């Protein structure tokens, strides 16, 4: 059964317009890679009070999320985004997993 995952990231202040622009122009091969590993219904929300980004996605039963960090396009995207958000040493965004505490279908 597909499941939903949520996480939080941190955008540097003053970069929401640039973040949106870059996602409006997302690499087509990244979209393909995300879908190939089982991601669908992916959205990211912005909290202007603390510059947090909240992401939620649906992953297929046989999701292969662990493959993403090895993909060249993912590494290229991380490098492209690293100047506007908090990242790990490999340029991947720092992601704080969130636990679902309520859901109404």
Protein backbone atom coordinates (compact mmCIF):
# COMPACT_ATOMS: atom_id res chain seq x y z
CA UNK A 1 0.00 0.00 0.00
CA UNK A 2 1.38 3.47 -0.84
CA UNK A 3 2.37 5.60 2.13
CA UNK A 4 2.82 9.30 2.73
CA UNK A 5 6.06 10.76 4.04
CA UNK A 6 6.60 14.26 5.41
CA UNK A 7 9.71 16.21 6.31
CA UNK A 8 10.90 19.72 7.09
CA UNK A 9 13.76 21.67 5.54
CA UNK A 10 15.18 25.16 6.18
CA UNK A 11 15.27 27.89 3.56
CA UNK A 12 17.65 30.79 4.06
CA UNK A 13 15.76 34.07 4.67
CA UNK A 14 14.93 36.08 1.58
CA UNK A 15 15.05 33.14 -0.83
CA UNK A 16 11.44 32.01 -1.21
CA UNK A 17 10.99 33.64 -4.64
CA UNK A 18 14.19 32.02 -5.90
CA UNK A 19 13.17 28.66 -4.42
CA UNK A 20 9.83 28.85 -6.23
CA UNK A 21 11.50 29.93 -9.48
CA UNK A 22 13.91 27.01 -9.39
CA UNK A 23 11.07 24.58 -8.76
CA UNK A 24 9.02 26.13 -11.56
CA UNK A 25 11.98 25.25 -13.77
CA UNK A 26 12.76 21.84 -12.18
CA UNK A 27 15.09 19.65 -14.22
CA UNK A 28 12.90 17.35 -16.39
CA UNK A 29 15.29 14.45 -15.74
CA UNK A 30 14.84 15.00 -11.99
CA UNK A 31 11.06 14.71 -12.36
CA UNK A 32 11.64 11.43 -14.23
CA UNK A 33 13.99 10.16 -11.50
CA UNK A 34 11.54 11.02 -8.71
CA UNK A 35 8.75 9.15 -10.46
CA UNK A 36 11.01 6.18 -11.23
CA UNK A 37 11.72 5.63 -7.54
CA UNK A 38 8.00 5.68 -6.69
CA UNK A 39 7.31 9.29 -5.67
CA UNK A 40 3.98 10.90 -6.54
CA UNK A 41 1.72 13.62 -5.17
CA UNK A 42 4.72 15.62 -3.93
CA UNK A 43 4.19 19.11 -2.57
CA UNK A 44 6.31 21.59 -0.61
CA UNK A 45 4.89 24.37 1.59
CA UNK A 46 6.62 27.45 3.01
CA UNK A 47 6.24 28.89 6.53
CA UNK A 48 7.27 32.58 6.36
CA UNK A 49 7.58 32.91 10.14
CA UNK A 50 10.56 30.58 10.46
CA UNK A 51 11.59 29.90 6.83
CA UNK A 52 10.77 26.21 7.15
CA UNK A 53 9.76 24.20 4.13
CA UNK A 54 7.29 21.41 4.77
CA UNK A 55 7.21 18.60 2.22
CA UNK A 56 4.80 15.72 1.84
CA UNK A 57 4.88 12.98 -0.76
CA UNK A 58 3.30 9.67 -1.54
CA UNK A 59 5.65 6.76 -2.17
CA UNK A 60 4.74 3.50 -3.84
CA UNK A 61 4.84 0.20 -1.99
CA UNK A 62 8.05 -0.69 -3.74
CA UNK A 63 9.57 2.77 -3.34
CA UNK A 64 13.24 2.99 -4.07
CA UNK A 65 14.02 6.27 -2.30
CA UNK A 66 17.43 4.99 -1.25
CA UNK A 67 18.46 5.10 -4.94
CA UNK A 68 18.03 8.88 -5.23
CA UNK A 69 21.28 9.98 -3.54
CA UNK A 70 23.27 7.90 -6.04
CA UNK A 71 21.66 9.51 -9.11
CA UNK A 72 23.70 12.16 -10.93
CA UNK A 73 20.64 14.36 -11.46
CA UNK A 74 19.86 14.34 -7.74
CA UNK A 75 23.42 15.40 -6.87
CA UNK A 76 23.23 18.14 -9.53
CA UNK A 77 19.92 19.41 -8.08
CA UNK A 78 21.30 19.43 -4.54
CA UNK A 79 24.31 21.46 -5.68
CA UNK A 80 22.00 23.83 -7.55
CA UNK A 81 19.90 24.42 -4.41
CA UNK A 82 22.69 24.50 -1.80
CA UNK A 83 23.15 28.27 -1.88
CA UNK A 84 19.60 29.00 -0.69
CA UNK A 85 18.92 26.33 1.94
CA UNK A 86 20.52 24.45 4.83
CA UNK A 87 22.43 21.40 3.59
CA UNK A 88 24.57 18.50 4.71
CA UNK A 89 28.22 18.23 3.67
CA UNK A 90 27.21 16.38 0.47
CA UNK A 91 24.91 19.31 -0.49
CA UNK A 92 21.75 17.27 0.24
CA UNK A 93 19.15 19.33 2.09
CA UNK A 94 18.97 18.82 5.82
CA UNK A 95 15.65 17.01 6.25
CA UNK A 96 13.88 16.52 9.53
CA UNK A 97 11.42 13.59 9.26
CA UNK A 98 7.97 14.39 10.60
CA UNK A 99 5.66 11.90 12.29
CA UNK A 100 2.01 11.93 11.35
CA UNK A 101 -0.19 12.50 14.38
CA UNK A 102 -3.57 12.90 12.64
CA UNK A 103 -5.10 12.07 9.27
CA UNK A 104 -8.64 12.53 7.99
CA UNK A 105 -9.36 10.77 4.70
